[in-house]
Amino acid sequence: MVLQGGWAVAVVVRPGRGVLRAGIAIQGIIATTWLVSRAVGLPFPPDPWVAEPVGLSDAVATGFALVSGALAAMLLRGGIATRRRSATGPTGSHPRRSSDTRPSTPTWESSGC
C-alpha cells in the first residue's frame, strides 16, 4: 500500500515512461500475489500454502490495482491523449493578433476607476 501511494505521488510529481513502467510492474506483482494467496496460499507462516478467503474490500482494492496498471500501460502506449496544448493554441497561431494593442490584462487606467 505504501509502495502504491509512492508510485501515485511519483506519477503526479515526476511523470515519465520509467515511472509508468514501474507502476505496471508494481500493480501486476500486487495483483498476482493476491491471486496466488487466494488460490493456493503463500509459502509463509502462520499457515503456509493455505488459501485465504476472498473478501470484498481486498477484491475491490486488487481491482483498482489492475485498473491503475492498465491505465499506466495505456498511457505508455499512447492510448490516452497526454499532449497539452501549447501556449499558441492548437492551430499554432497566437490567440491575440499582433496588431491588437490592448493590454492583455485589465489595468486601473483602463477600468475607469
C-alpha atoms as a PDB file:
ATOM      1  CA  MET A   1       0.000   0.000   0.000  1.00  0.00           C
ATOM      2  CA  VAL A   2       2.848   2.391   0.789  1.00  0.00           C
ATOM      3  CA  LEU A   3       4.528   1.415  -2.464  1.00  0.00           C
ATOM      4  CA  GLN A   4       1.338   2.148  -4.411  1.00  0.00           C
ATOM      5  CA  GLY A   5       0.969   5.522  -2.713  1.00  0.00           C
ATOM      6  CA  GLY A   6       4.561   6.394  -3.512  1.00  0.00           C
ATOM      7  CA  TRP A   7       4.004   5.444  -7.128  1.00  0.00           C
ATOM      8  CA  ALA A   8       0.886   7.625  -7.307  1.00  0.00           C
ATOM      9  CA  VAL A   9       2.880  10.590  -5.995  1.00  0.00           C
ATOM     10  CA  ALA A  10       5.668   9.885  -8.498  1.00  0.00           C
ATOM     11  CA  VAL A  11       3.169   9.846 -11.381  1.00  0.00           C
ATOM     12  CA  VAL A  12       1.929  13.302 -10.387  1.00  0.00           C
ATOM     13  CA  VAL A  13       5.254  14.892  -9.390  1.00  0.00           C
ATOM     14  CA  ARG A  14       7.595  13.367 -11.956  1.00  0.00           C
ATOM     15  CA  PRO A  15       5.663  11.561 -14.682  1.00  0.00           C
ATOM     16  CA  GLY A  16       7.626   9.645 -17.249  1.00  0.00           C
ATOM     17  CA  ARG A  17       7.977   6.342 -19.053  1.00  0.00           C
ATOM     18  CA  GLY A  18      10.089   4.803 -16.284  1.00  0.00           C
ATOM     19  CA  VAL A  19       7.541   5.720 -13.633  1.00  0.00           C
ATOM     20  CA  LEU A  20       4.753   4.216 -15.742  1.00  0.00           C
ATOM     21  CA  ARG A  21       6.735   1.014 -16.276  1.00  0.00           C
ATOM     22  CA  ALA A  22       7.413   0.777 -12.534  1.00  0.00           C
ATOM     23  CA  GLY A  23       3.704   1.218 -11.843  1.00  0.00           C
ATOM     24  CA  ILE A  24       2.739  -1.536 -14.249  1.00  0.00           C
ATOM     25  CA  ALA A  25       5.213  -3.865 -12.524  1.00  0.00           C
ATOM     26  CA  ILE A  26       4.120  -2.861  -9.014  1.00  0.00           C
ATOM     27  CA  GLN A  27       0.405  -3.250  -9.724  1.00  0.00           C
ATOM     28  CA  GLY A  28       0.985  -6.536 -11.558  1.00  0.00           C
ATOM     29  CA  ILE A  29       3.037  -8.022  -8.718  1.00  0.00           C
ATOM     30  CA  ILE A  30       0.451  -6.970  -6.152  1.00  0.00           C
ATOM     31  CA  ALA A  31      -2.443  -8.426  -8.156  1.00  0.00           C
ATOM     32  CA  THR A  32      -0.536 -11.666  -8.831  1.00  0.00           C
ATOM     33  CA  THR A  33       0.359 -12.054  -5.153  1.00  0.00           C
ATOM     34  CA  TRP A  34      -3.280 -11.527  -4.190  1.00  0.00           C
ATOM     35  CA  LEU A  35      -4.457 -14.093  -6.744  1.00  0.00           C
ATOM     36  CA  VAL A  36      -1.947 -16.732  -5.631  1.00  0.00           C
ATOM     37  CA  SER A  37      -2.752 -16.130  -1.954  1.00  0.00           C
ATOM     38  CA  ARG A  38      -6.439 -16.710  -2.668  1.00  0.00           C
ATOM     39  CA  ALA A  39      -5.945 -19.701  -4.982  1.00  0.00           C
ATOM     40  CA  VAL A  40      -3.259 -21.835  -3.286  1.00  0.00           C
ATOM     41  CA  GLY A  41      -1.876 -19.759  -0.437  1.00  0.00           C
ATOM     42  CA  LEU A  42       1.574 -18.306   0.105  1.00  0.00           C
ATOM     43  CA  PRO A  43       4.551 -20.258   1.479  1.00  0.00           C
ATOM     44  CA  PHE A  44       4.843 -18.125   4.619  1.00  0.00           C
ATOM     45  CA  PRO A  45       3.760 -18.747   8.222  1.00  0.00           C
ATOM     46  CA  PRO A  46       1.433 -18.832  10.083  1.00  0.00           C
ATOM     47  CA  ASP A  47      -0.396 -21.106   7.595  1.00  0.00           C
ATOM     48  CA  PRO A  48       1.855 -21.915   4.630  1.00  0.00           C
ATOM     49  CA  TRP A  49       0.087 -22.964   1.440  1.00  0.00           C
ATOM     50  CA  VAL A  50      -3.371 -22.389   2.882  1.00  0.00           C
ATOM     51  CA  ALA A  51      -5.590 -20.290   0.637  1.00  0.00           C
ATOM     52  CA  GLU A  52      -7.076 -17.189   2.180  1.00  0.00           C
ATOM     53  CA  PRO A  53     -10.747 -16.331   1.749  1.00  0.00           C
ATOM     54  CA  VAL A  54     -11.717 -13.651  -0.761  1.00  0.00           C
ATOM     55  CA  GLY A  55     -13.067 -10.548   0.917  1.00  0.00           C
ATOM     56  CA  LEU A  56     -14.979  -7.748  -0.752  1.00  0.00           C
ATOM     57  CA  SER A  57     -12.560  -4.994   0.270  1.00  0.00           C
ATOM     58  CA  ASP A  58      -9.420  -6.832  -0.837  1.00  0.00           C
ATOM     59  CA  ALA A  59     -11.046  -7.860  -4.120  1.00  0.00           C
ATOM     60  CA  VAL A  60     -12.037  -4.245  -4.833  1.00  0.00           C
ATOM     61  CA  ALA A  61      -8.558  -2.991  -3.901  1.00  0.00           C
ATOM     62  CA  THR A  62      -6.970  -5.534  -6.241  1.00  0.00           C
ATOM     63  CA  GLY A  63      -9.394  -4.479  -8.973  1.00  0.00           C
ATOM     64  CA  PHE A  64      -8.241  -0.874  -8.521  1.00  0.00           C
ATOM     65  CA  ALA A  65      -4.619  -2.029  -8.750  1.00  0.00           C
ATOM     66  CA  LEU A  66      -5.382  -3.790 -12.026  1.00  0.00           C
ATOM     67  CA  VAL A  67      -7.205  -0.757 -13.413  1.00  0.00           C
ATOM     68  CA  SER A  68      -4.378   1.627 -12.472  1.00  0.00           C
ATOM     69  CA  GLY A  69      -1.837  -0.734 -14.030  1.00  0.00           C
ATOM     70  CA  ALA A  70      -3.926  -0.956 -17.197  1.00  0.00           C
ATOM     71  CA  LEU A  71      -4.241   2.836 -17.368  1.00  0.00           C
ATOM     72  CA  ALA A  72      -0.476   3.171 -16.930  1.00  0.00           C
ATOM     73  CA  ALA A  73       0.004   0.718 -19.811  1.00  0.00           C
ATOM     74  CA  MET A  74      -2.394   2.718 -21.972  1.00  0.00           C
ATOM     75  CA  LEU A  75      -0.506   5.934 -21.188  1.00  0.00           C
ATOM     76  CA  LEU A  76       2.763   4.220 -22.010  1.00  0.00           C
ATOM     77  CA  ARG A  77       1.454   3.019 -25.359  1.00  0.00           C
ATOM     78  CA  GLY A  78      -0.123   6.374 -26.167  1.00  0.00           C
ATOM     79  CA  GLY A  79      -3.698   5.114 -25.933  1.00  0.00           C
ATOM     80  CA  ILE A  80      -4.728   8.092 -23.818  1.00  0.00           C
ATOM     81  CA  ALA A  81      -4.166  11.630 -25.091  1.00  0.00           C
ATOM     82  CA  THR A  82      -1.404  13.114 -22.970  1.00  0.00           C
ATOM     83  CA  ARG A  83      -0.307  16.097 -25.040  1.00  0.00           C
ATOM     84  CA  ARG A  84      -1.012  19.526 -23.650  1.00  0.00           C
ATOM     85  CA  ARG A  85      -1.957  22.414 -25.848  1.00  0.00           C
ATOM     86  CA  SER A  86       0.829  24.834 -26.480  1.00  0.00           C
ATOM     87  CA  ALA A  87       0.633  28.486 -25.488  1.00  0.00           C
ATOM     88  CA  THR A  88      -0.028  29.407 -29.093  1.00  0.00           C
ATOM     89  CA  GLY A  89      -3.144  27.255 -29.320  1.00  0.00           C
ATOM     90  CA  PRO A  90      -3.973  24.149 -31.325  1.00  0.00           C
ATOM     91  CA  THR A  91      -3.513  25.798 -34.741  1.00  0.00           C
ATOM     92  CA  GLY A  92      -0.105  27.284 -33.988  1.00  0.00           C
ATOM     93  CA  SER A  93      -1.313  30.870 -34.308  1.00  0.00           C
ATOM     94  CA  HIS A  94      -1.128  33.183 -31.367  1.00  0.00           C
ATOM     95  CA  PRO A  95      -4.541  33.737 -29.748  1.00  0.00           C
ATOM     96  CA  ARG A  96      -4.150  37.541 -29.957  1.00  0.00           C
ATOM     97  CA  ARG A  97      -3.344  39.407 -33.133  1.00  0.00           C
ATOM     98  CA  SER A  98      -0.058  41.276 -33.172  1.00  0.00           C
ATOM     99  CA  SER A  99      -1.901  44.430 -34.344  1.00  0.00           C
ATOM    100  CA  ASP A 100      -4.077  44.379 -31.213  1.00  0.00           C
ATOM    101  CA  THR A 101      -2.535  46.930 -28.847  1.00  0.00           C
ATOM    102  CA  ARG A 102      -4.905  46.434 -25.950  1.00  0.00           C
ATOM    103  CA  PRO A 103      -3.257  45.208 -22.740  1.00  0.00           C
ATOM    104  CA  SER A 104      -3.721  41.515 -22.148  1.00  0.00           C
ATOM    105  CA  THR A 105      -4.805  42.141 -18.549  1.00  0.00           C
ATOM    106  CA  PRO A 106      -7.009  44.973 -17.354  1.00  0.00           C
ATOM    107  CA  THR A 107      -5.219  47.895 -15.731  1.00  0.00           C
ATOM    108  CA  TRP A 108      -6.520  50.512 -13.312  1.00  0.00           C
ATOM    109  CA  GLU A 109      -6.319  53.172 -16.024  1.00  0.00           C
ATOM    110  CA  SER A 110      -8.446  51.188 -18.473  1.00  0.00           C
ATOM    111  CA  SER A 111     -11.077  50.211 -15.930  1.00  0.00           C
ATOM    112  CA  GLY A 112     -12.241  53.788 -15.335  1.00  0.00           C
ATOM    113  CA  CYS A 113     -11.696  53.665 -11.557  1.00  0.00           C
END
